[in-house]
N, C-alpha and C. Protein backbone atom coordinates (compact mmCIF):
# COMPACT_ATOMS: atom_id res chain seq x y z
N MET A 1 -94.08 58.81 232.31
CA MET A 1 -93.64 58.55 230.95
C MET A 1 -92.51 57.53 230.99
N GLU A 2 -92.39 56.79 229.93
CA GLU A 2 -91.41 55.71 229.84
C GLU A 2 -90.07 56.23 229.30
N LEU A 3 -89.00 55.67 229.83
CA LEU A 3 -87.65 55.94 229.34
C LEU A 3 -87.28 54.92 228.28
N LEU A 4 -86.34 55.28 227.43
CA LEU A 4 -85.77 54.32 226.50
C LEU A 4 -84.81 53.42 227.27
N ASP A 5 -84.43 52.31 226.67
CA ASP A 5 -83.44 51.43 227.29
C ASP A 5 -82.10 52.16 227.32
N PRO A 6 -81.38 52.14 228.44
CA PRO A 6 -80.10 52.85 228.52
C PRO A 6 -79.06 52.38 227.49
N ALA A 7 -79.19 51.16 227.00
CA ALA A 7 -78.25 50.65 225.99
C ALA A 7 -78.32 51.45 224.69
N VAL A 8 -79.40 52.21 224.49
CA VAL A 8 -79.51 53.00 223.27
C VAL A 8 -78.41 54.05 223.20
N LYS A 9 -77.89 54.49 224.34
CA LYS A 9 -76.78 55.45 224.33
C LYS A 9 -75.57 54.84 223.63
N SER A 10 -75.30 53.56 223.89
CA SER A 10 -74.18 52.88 223.22
C SER A 10 -74.44 52.74 221.73
N VAL A 11 -75.66 52.41 221.37
CA VAL A 11 -76.03 52.28 219.95
C VAL A 11 -75.82 53.61 219.25
N TRP A 12 -76.32 54.69 219.83
CA TRP A 12 -76.18 56.01 219.22
C TRP A 12 -74.71 56.43 219.15
N THR A 13 -73.92 56.08 220.15
CA THR A 13 -72.49 56.40 220.16
C THR A 13 -71.78 55.69 219.01
N ILE A 14 -72.05 54.41 218.84
CA ILE A 14 -71.42 53.63 217.77
C ILE A 14 -71.82 54.18 216.41
N LYS A 15 -73.10 54.46 216.21
CA LYS A 15 -73.57 54.99 214.93
C LYS A 15 -72.95 56.36 214.65
N SER A 16 -72.82 57.16 215.67
CA SER A 16 -72.20 58.48 215.50
C SER A 16 -70.74 58.33 215.09
N LEU A 17 -70.01 57.45 215.75
CA LEU A 17 -68.61 57.22 215.39
C LEU A 17 -68.48 56.76 213.94
N LEU A 18 -69.35 55.87 213.52
CA LEU A 18 -69.30 55.39 212.13
C LEU A 18 -69.55 56.52 211.14
N ARG A 19 -70.50 57.39 211.45
CA ARG A 19 -70.77 58.52 210.55
C ARG A 19 -69.58 59.46 210.48
N TRP A 20 -68.97 59.76 211.63
CA TRP A 20 -67.82 60.66 211.65
C TRP A 20 -66.62 60.04 210.93
N CYS A 21 -66.47 58.73 211.02
CA CYS A 21 -65.33 58.06 210.37
C CYS A 21 -65.38 58.21 208.85
N ILE A 22 -66.55 58.44 208.30
CA ILE A 22 -66.67 58.66 206.87
C ILE A 22 -65.95 59.94 206.46
N LEU A 23 -65.93 60.94 207.34
CA LEU A 23 -65.31 62.23 207.02
C LEU A 23 -63.79 62.23 207.21
N LEU A 24 -63.28 61.33 208.02
CA LEU A 24 -61.84 61.34 208.30
C LEU A 24 -60.95 61.23 207.06
N PRO A 25 -61.24 60.34 206.10
CA PRO A 25 -60.37 60.30 204.91
C PRO A 25 -60.34 61.62 204.14
N PHE A 26 -61.48 62.33 204.13
CA PHE A 26 -61.53 63.61 203.42
C PHE A 26 -60.68 64.67 204.11
N SER A 27 -60.77 64.72 205.44
CA SER A 27 -59.96 65.72 206.15
C SER A 27 -58.48 65.35 206.09
N ALA A 28 -58.17 64.07 206.14
CA ALA A 28 -56.76 63.65 206.02
C ALA A 28 -56.22 64.00 204.64
N THR A 29 -57.03 63.82 203.60
CA THR A 29 -56.62 64.18 202.25
C THR A 29 -56.39 65.69 202.14
N ALA A 30 -57.28 66.47 202.72
CA ALA A 30 -57.10 67.93 202.71
C ALA A 30 -55.82 68.32 203.42
N ASP A 31 -55.51 67.66 204.53
CA ASP A 31 -54.27 67.95 205.25
C ASP A 31 -53.04 67.62 204.41
N VAL A 32 -53.06 66.49 203.71
CA VAL A 32 -51.92 66.09 202.88
C VAL A 32 -51.74 67.07 201.72
N VAL A 33 -52.85 67.45 201.08
CA VAL A 33 -52.78 68.40 199.97
C VAL A 33 -52.21 69.74 200.45
N LEU A 34 -52.70 70.22 201.59
CA LEU A 34 -52.20 71.49 202.13
C LEU A 34 -50.75 71.39 202.58
N LEU A 35 -50.34 70.22 203.03
CA LEU A 35 -48.96 70.02 203.46
C LEU A 35 -47.99 70.23 202.31
N PHE A 36 -48.38 69.77 201.12
CA PHE A 36 -47.50 69.88 199.96
C PHE A 36 -47.81 71.10 199.08
N SER A 37 -48.68 71.97 199.57
CA SER A 37 -48.95 73.19 198.80
C SER A 37 -47.95 74.27 199.20
N ASP A 38 -48.07 75.43 198.57
CA ASP A 38 -47.15 76.53 198.82
C ASP A 38 -47.58 77.39 200.01
N SER A 39 -48.58 76.98 200.74
CA SER A 39 -49.09 77.77 201.86
C SER A 39 -48.10 77.73 203.03
N ASP A 40 -47.76 78.92 203.55
CA ASP A 40 -46.84 79.01 204.68
C ASP A 40 -47.57 78.99 206.02
N THR A 41 -48.88 79.19 206.02
CA THR A 41 -49.63 79.30 207.28
C THR A 41 -50.27 77.98 207.70
N PHE A 42 -50.04 76.92 206.97
CA PHE A 42 -50.71 75.66 207.25
C PHE A 42 -50.03 74.91 208.40
N LEU A 43 -50.84 74.42 209.31
CA LEU A 43 -50.36 73.55 210.38
C LEU A 43 -50.71 72.11 210.00
N PRO A 44 -49.70 71.23 209.88
CA PRO A 44 -49.99 69.84 209.48
C PRO A 44 -50.97 69.17 210.44
N GLY A 45 -51.99 68.54 209.86
CA GLY A 45 -52.97 67.80 210.66
C GLY A 45 -54.06 68.66 211.28
N LEU A 46 -54.11 69.93 210.93
CA LEU A 46 -55.08 70.83 211.54
C LEU A 46 -56.52 70.36 211.32
N TRP A 47 -56.89 70.10 210.06
CA TRP A 47 -58.28 69.73 209.77
C TRP A 47 -58.64 68.38 210.37
N THR A 48 -57.73 67.43 210.28
CA THR A 48 -58.00 66.11 210.86
C THR A 48 -58.09 66.21 212.38
N GLY A 49 -57.22 66.98 212.98
CA GLY A 49 -57.26 67.17 214.43
C GLY A 49 -58.55 67.81 214.89
N LEU A 50 -58.97 68.86 214.18
CA LEU A 50 -60.24 69.51 214.51
C LEU A 50 -61.42 68.56 214.36
N LEU A 51 -61.40 67.79 213.29
CA LEU A 51 -62.48 66.84 213.07
C LEU A 51 -62.52 65.79 214.19
N ILE A 52 -61.38 65.31 214.60
CA ILE A 52 -61.34 64.31 215.67
C ILE A 52 -61.85 64.90 216.98
N ILE A 53 -61.49 66.14 217.29
CA ILE A 53 -61.97 66.79 218.51
C ILE A 53 -63.49 66.96 218.46
N ILE A 54 -64.00 67.46 217.35
CA ILE A 54 -65.44 67.64 217.20
C ILE A 54 -66.15 66.29 217.29
N CYS A 55 -65.59 65.30 216.63
CA CYS A 55 -66.17 63.95 216.64
C CYS A 55 -66.26 63.41 218.07
N LEU A 56 -65.20 63.53 218.83
CA LEU A 56 -65.20 62.99 220.19
C LEU A 56 -66.20 63.72 221.08
N VAL A 57 -66.22 65.04 220.99
CA VAL A 57 -67.16 65.81 221.80
C VAL A 57 -68.60 65.43 221.43
N TRP A 58 -68.88 65.42 220.12
CA TRP A 58 -70.22 65.10 219.64
C TRP A 58 -70.62 63.68 220.04
N THR A 59 -69.71 62.73 219.87
CA THR A 59 -70.01 61.33 220.11
C THR A 59 -70.16 61.02 221.60
N LEU A 60 -69.43 61.73 222.44
CA LEU A 60 -69.50 61.45 223.87
C LEU A 60 -70.64 62.19 224.58
N ILE A 61 -71.08 63.31 224.02
CA ILE A 61 -72.09 64.12 224.71
C ILE A 61 -73.50 63.95 224.14
N VAL A 62 -73.63 64.00 222.83
CA VAL A 62 -74.96 64.03 222.21
C VAL A 62 -75.80 62.78 222.52
N PRO A 63 -75.27 61.56 222.45
CA PRO A 63 -76.11 60.40 222.78
C PRO A 63 -76.68 60.46 224.21
N LYS A 64 -75.90 60.96 225.15
CA LYS A 64 -76.38 61.07 226.53
C LYS A 64 -77.50 62.11 226.63
N LEU A 65 -77.33 63.22 225.91
CA LEU A 65 -78.38 64.24 225.93
C LEU A 65 -79.64 63.75 225.23
N ARG A 66 -79.50 63.07 224.09
CA ARG A 66 -80.67 62.52 223.39
C ARG A 66 -81.45 61.60 224.31
N TYR A 67 -80.71 60.73 225.01
CA TYR A 67 -81.36 59.78 225.93
C TYR A 67 -82.09 60.53 227.04
N ARG A 68 -81.46 61.55 227.56
CA ARG A 68 -82.04 62.32 228.67
C ARG A 68 -83.36 62.96 228.30
N TYR A 69 -83.50 63.38 227.05
CA TYR A 69 -84.69 64.12 226.63
C TYR A 69 -85.68 63.30 225.81
N TRP A 70 -85.56 61.99 225.79
CA TRP A 70 -86.49 61.13 225.04
C TRP A 70 -87.43 60.45 226.03
N ARG A 71 -88.72 60.61 225.83
CA ARG A 71 -89.75 59.95 226.65
C ARG A 71 -90.91 59.56 225.72
N TYR A 72 -91.63 58.53 226.12
CA TYR A 72 -92.81 58.14 225.36
C TYR A 72 -93.83 57.55 226.33
N GLU A 73 -95.07 57.53 225.88
CA GLU A 73 -96.13 56.95 226.70
C GLU A 73 -97.26 56.49 225.78
N LEU A 74 -97.68 55.26 225.98
CA LEU A 74 -98.86 54.76 225.27
C LEU A 74 -100.05 55.02 226.19
N ARG A 75 -100.89 55.95 225.76
CA ARG A 75 -102.05 56.32 226.57
C ARG A 75 -103.29 55.62 226.01
N GLU A 76 -104.42 55.89 226.59
CA GLU A 76 -105.64 55.17 226.22
C GLU A 76 -106.01 55.33 224.75
N GLU A 77 -105.87 56.53 224.21
CA GLU A 77 -106.31 56.78 222.83
C GLU A 77 -105.19 57.28 221.92
N ASP A 78 -103.97 57.44 222.45
CA ASP A 78 -102.89 57.96 221.62
C ASP A 78 -101.53 57.51 222.13
N LEU A 79 -100.54 57.74 221.27
CA LEU A 79 -99.14 57.51 221.61
C LEU A 79 -98.50 58.89 221.72
N TYR A 80 -97.86 59.15 222.85
CA TYR A 80 -97.30 60.46 223.13
C TYR A 80 -95.79 60.31 223.24
N ALA A 81 -95.04 61.18 222.55
CA ALA A 81 -93.58 61.14 222.60
C ALA A 81 -93.03 62.55 222.73
N ILE A 82 -91.98 62.69 223.53
CA ILE A 82 -91.27 63.96 223.69
C ILE A 82 -89.80 63.68 223.40
N ARG A 83 -89.19 64.53 222.56
CA ARG A 83 -87.79 64.33 222.21
C ARG A 83 -87.18 65.67 221.82
N GLY A 84 -85.85 65.67 221.75
CA GLY A 84 -85.15 66.85 221.25
C GLY A 84 -84.24 67.48 222.27
N ILE A 85 -83.02 67.76 221.85
CA ILE A 85 -82.05 68.40 222.73
C ILE A 85 -82.22 69.92 222.62
N TRP A 86 -82.07 70.46 221.42
CA TRP A 86 -82.15 71.90 221.20
C TRP A 86 -83.55 72.33 220.78
N ASN A 87 -84.25 71.47 220.11
CA ASN A 87 -85.58 71.75 219.62
C ASN A 87 -86.52 70.67 220.18
N ARG A 88 -87.26 70.99 221.22
CA ARG A 88 -88.14 70.02 221.86
C ARG A 88 -89.36 69.78 220.98
N VAL A 89 -89.65 68.52 220.72
CA VAL A 89 -90.79 68.14 219.88
C VAL A 89 -91.70 67.23 220.70
N GLN A 90 -92.96 67.60 220.77
CA GLN A 90 -93.97 66.76 221.41
C GLN A 90 -94.87 66.23 220.32
N THR A 91 -94.98 64.92 220.24
CA THR A 91 -95.77 64.28 219.20
C THR A 91 -96.90 63.48 219.84
N ILE A 92 -98.10 63.69 219.34
CA ILE A 92 -99.25 62.91 219.78
C ILE A 92 -99.80 62.21 218.54
N VAL A 93 -99.82 60.89 218.58
CA VAL A 93 -100.34 60.10 217.47
C VAL A 93 -101.65 59.46 217.92
N PRO A 94 -102.78 59.94 217.41
CA PRO A 94 -104.04 59.26 217.73
C PRO A 94 -104.00 57.82 217.20
N LEU A 95 -104.32 56.87 218.06
CA LEU A 95 -104.22 55.47 217.65
C LEU A 95 -105.16 55.15 216.49
N ARG A 96 -106.25 55.90 216.36
CA ARG A 96 -107.19 55.65 215.25
C ARG A 96 -106.61 56.04 213.88
N ARG A 97 -105.56 56.87 213.87
CA ARG A 97 -104.97 57.32 212.60
C ARG A 97 -103.83 56.41 212.12
N ILE A 98 -103.52 55.39 212.88
CA ILE A 98 -102.40 54.52 212.53
C ILE A 98 -102.79 53.60 211.38
N GLN A 99 -101.93 53.58 210.36
CA GLN A 99 -102.14 52.73 209.18
C GLN A 99 -101.48 51.37 209.36
N HIS A 100 -100.19 51.39 209.73
CA HIS A 100 -99.51 50.13 210.04
C HIS A 100 -98.31 50.38 210.94
N LEU A 101 -97.78 49.30 211.48
CA LEU A 101 -96.71 49.37 212.48
C LEU A 101 -95.58 48.45 212.07
N ASP A 102 -94.35 48.89 212.33
CA ASP A 102 -93.17 48.05 212.08
C ASP A 102 -92.33 48.00 213.35
N VAL A 103 -91.71 46.86 213.57
CA VAL A 103 -90.65 46.75 214.56
C VAL A 103 -89.38 46.57 213.75
N ALA A 104 -88.48 47.55 213.80
CA ALA A 104 -87.27 47.56 212.98
C ALA A 104 -86.04 47.40 213.87
N GLN A 105 -85.02 46.76 213.29
CA GLN A 105 -83.80 46.51 214.05
C GLN A 105 -82.65 46.40 213.06
N ASP A 106 -81.59 47.21 213.25
CA ASP A 106 -80.41 47.06 212.41
C ASP A 106 -79.38 46.22 213.14
N LEU A 107 -78.21 46.02 212.53
CA LEU A 107 -77.19 45.15 213.12
C LEU A 107 -76.72 45.62 214.48
N ILE A 108 -76.51 46.91 214.61
CA ILE A 108 -76.01 47.44 215.89
C ILE A 108 -77.08 47.30 216.96
N GLU A 109 -78.31 47.66 216.64
CA GLU A 109 -79.40 47.50 217.60
C GLU A 109 -79.58 46.04 217.98
N GLY A 110 -79.44 45.15 217.01
CA GLY A 110 -79.58 43.72 217.26
C GLY A 110 -78.57 43.21 218.27
N ASN A 111 -77.34 43.74 218.23
CA ASN A 111 -76.32 43.33 219.19
C ASN A 111 -76.70 43.71 220.62
N TYR A 112 -77.51 44.72 220.77
CA TYR A 112 -77.95 45.17 222.10
C TYR A 112 -79.38 44.73 222.40
N ASP A 113 -79.96 43.91 221.54
CA ASP A 113 -81.34 43.42 221.67
C ASP A 113 -82.33 44.58 221.76
N LEU A 114 -82.07 45.62 220.96
CA LEU A 114 -82.96 46.78 220.91
C LEU A 114 -83.66 46.83 219.55
N ALA A 115 -84.74 47.57 219.51
CA ALA A 115 -85.49 47.75 218.26
C ALA A 115 -86.15 49.12 218.28
N ARG A 116 -86.70 49.49 217.11
CA ARG A 116 -87.46 50.73 216.96
C ARG A 116 -88.89 50.38 216.60
N LEU A 117 -89.83 51.04 217.23
CA LEU A 117 -91.22 50.91 216.82
C LEU A 117 -91.49 52.03 215.83
N VAL A 118 -91.86 51.67 214.61
CA VAL A 118 -92.15 52.66 213.57
C VAL A 118 -93.65 52.66 213.35
N VAL A 119 -94.26 53.81 213.60
CA VAL A 119 -95.70 53.97 213.49
C VAL A 119 -95.99 54.80 212.25
N HIS A 120 -96.70 54.21 211.31
CA HIS A 120 -97.08 54.90 210.06
C HIS A 120 -98.52 55.37 210.21
N THR A 121 -98.73 56.67 210.00
CA THR A 121 -100.06 57.24 210.18
C THR A 121 -100.61 57.76 208.87
N ALA A 122 -101.91 57.99 208.87
CA ALA A 122 -102.56 58.60 207.72
C ALA A 122 -102.18 60.08 207.67
N GLY A 123 -102.08 60.61 206.49
CA GLY A 123 -101.75 62.03 206.35
C GLY A 123 -100.63 62.23 205.36
N THR A 124 -100.29 63.49 205.15
CA THR A 124 -99.26 63.80 204.17
C THR A 124 -97.98 64.34 204.80
N ARG A 125 -98.03 64.86 206.03
CA ARG A 125 -96.84 65.40 206.69
C ARG A 125 -96.51 64.58 207.92
N SER A 126 -95.23 64.31 208.11
CA SER A 126 -94.75 63.61 209.30
C SER A 126 -95.57 62.35 209.56
N THR A 127 -95.64 61.50 208.56
CA THR A 127 -96.49 60.32 208.68
C THR A 127 -95.82 59.15 209.38
N ASP A 128 -94.53 59.24 209.66
CA ASP A 128 -93.84 58.19 210.40
C ASP A 128 -93.37 58.73 211.74
N VAL A 129 -93.68 58.01 212.78
CA VAL A 129 -93.20 58.34 214.12
C VAL A 129 -92.39 57.14 214.59
N VAL A 130 -91.17 57.40 215.03
CA VAL A 130 -90.26 56.32 215.43
C VAL A 130 -89.97 56.45 216.92
N ILE A 131 -90.16 55.34 217.63
CA ILE A 131 -89.76 55.26 219.04
C ILE A 131 -88.52 54.36 219.06
N PRO A 132 -87.33 54.94 219.24
CA PRO A 132 -86.10 54.14 219.21
C PRO A 132 -85.78 53.57 220.59
N GLY A 133 -84.76 52.73 220.63
CA GLY A 133 -84.18 52.32 221.90
C GLY A 133 -85.09 51.51 222.80
N LEU A 134 -85.96 50.70 222.20
CA LEU A 134 -86.82 49.83 222.99
C LEU A 134 -86.23 48.43 223.05
N PRO A 135 -86.31 47.77 224.20
CA PRO A 135 -85.95 46.34 224.18
C PRO A 135 -86.85 45.65 223.14
N TYR A 136 -86.30 44.69 222.42
CA TYR A 136 -87.03 44.08 221.31
C TYR A 136 -88.41 43.58 221.75
N GLU A 137 -88.47 42.89 222.87
CA GLU A 137 -89.75 42.35 223.35
C GLU A 137 -90.74 43.46 223.68
N GLU A 138 -90.25 44.58 224.20
CA GLU A 138 -91.11 45.71 224.51
C GLU A 138 -91.66 46.33 223.22
N ALA A 139 -90.84 46.43 222.20
CA ALA A 139 -91.29 46.96 220.91
C ALA A 139 -92.39 46.07 220.32
N VAL A 140 -92.21 44.77 220.42
CA VAL A 140 -93.22 43.83 219.92
C VAL A 140 -94.50 43.96 220.74
N ARG A 141 -94.37 44.06 222.05
CA ARG A 141 -95.54 44.20 222.92
C ARG A 141 -96.30 45.49 222.60
N LEU A 142 -95.57 46.61 222.44
CA LEU A 142 -96.22 47.87 222.08
C LEU A 142 -96.93 47.76 220.74
N ARG A 143 -96.25 47.16 219.76
CA ARG A 143 -96.86 46.99 218.44
C ARG A 143 -98.15 46.19 218.54
N ASP A 144 -98.12 45.10 219.28
CA ASP A 144 -99.30 44.25 219.40
C ASP A 144 -100.43 44.94 220.15
N THR A 145 -100.10 45.72 221.18
CA THR A 145 -101.11 46.47 221.93
C THR A 145 -101.79 47.49 221.03
N VAL A 146 -100.99 48.24 220.28
CA VAL A 146 -101.55 49.25 219.38
C VAL A 146 -102.36 48.57 218.27
N ARG A 147 -101.83 47.49 217.71
CA ARG A 147 -102.55 46.75 216.66
C ARG A 147 -103.91 46.28 217.16
N ASP A 148 -103.95 45.74 218.37
CA ASP A 148 -105.22 45.26 218.93
C ASP A 148 -106.20 46.41 219.14
N PHE A 149 -105.71 47.57 219.59
CA PHE A 149 -106.58 48.74 219.76
C PHE A 149 -107.17 49.15 218.41
N VAL A 150 -106.32 49.25 217.41
CA VAL A 150 -106.77 49.67 216.08
C VAL A 150 -107.79 48.68 215.53
N ALA A 151 -107.52 47.38 215.66
CA ALA A 151 -108.44 46.36 215.16
C ALA A 151 -109.78 46.43 215.90
N GLU A 152 -109.75 46.67 217.19
CA GLU A 152 -110.97 46.72 218.00
C GLU A 152 -111.82 47.93 217.65
N HIS A 153 -111.19 49.06 217.34
CA HIS A 153 -111.94 50.30 217.10
C HIS A 153 -112.23 50.55 215.62
N MET A 154 -111.82 49.67 214.76
CA MET A 154 -112.12 49.84 213.33
C MET A 154 -113.49 49.28 212.98
N ASP A 155 -114.05 48.50 213.86
CA ASP A 155 -115.36 47.87 213.57
C ASP A 155 -116.51 48.82 213.72
C-alpha cells in the first residue's frame, strides 16, 4: 500500500494550529471576564493556558498519528484506502462507480506542492472519497489513470 507524502504532516500541523487559534480570543476573553468578576476561586489565565496545552498536544501528536495510519492503493478494479486513528475506516471504491474526479489544492498544500484526489461516486451515502497528502503530480497521475479506466470500461 502507498504512503502519503511526509510533508502532509506539516500541512496538517499548520491547519490544526490555525483552527485552534480561532478559539484563543474566546478563552482569553473568558479569562479577562473571570478576572474582573467576584469569583475568589479563579486562577488568571486558566482557560487560555489549558487551551494552549491542549492545542500543543493535539497539534504535535495528531498529524503524526494520522500520517501513520493513512494508506491507499489503486488496484485493478478499485481504489482502496485505510485511515483513522481511533476509528479505523477501510474504504473500497469500485472504479466503475466513479462519476468524476478532482485534484484539489489549497494555499497551504500548494506551498508544499501537495494535493488531494477527490473521488465522487454514484450513490447517496459517502459519495466523496478524499486521498490527501499526495504530491501534485502523483494526484494528477492517479486522476488520469482512474479516468482512463472509467472511459475504457464505459463502452
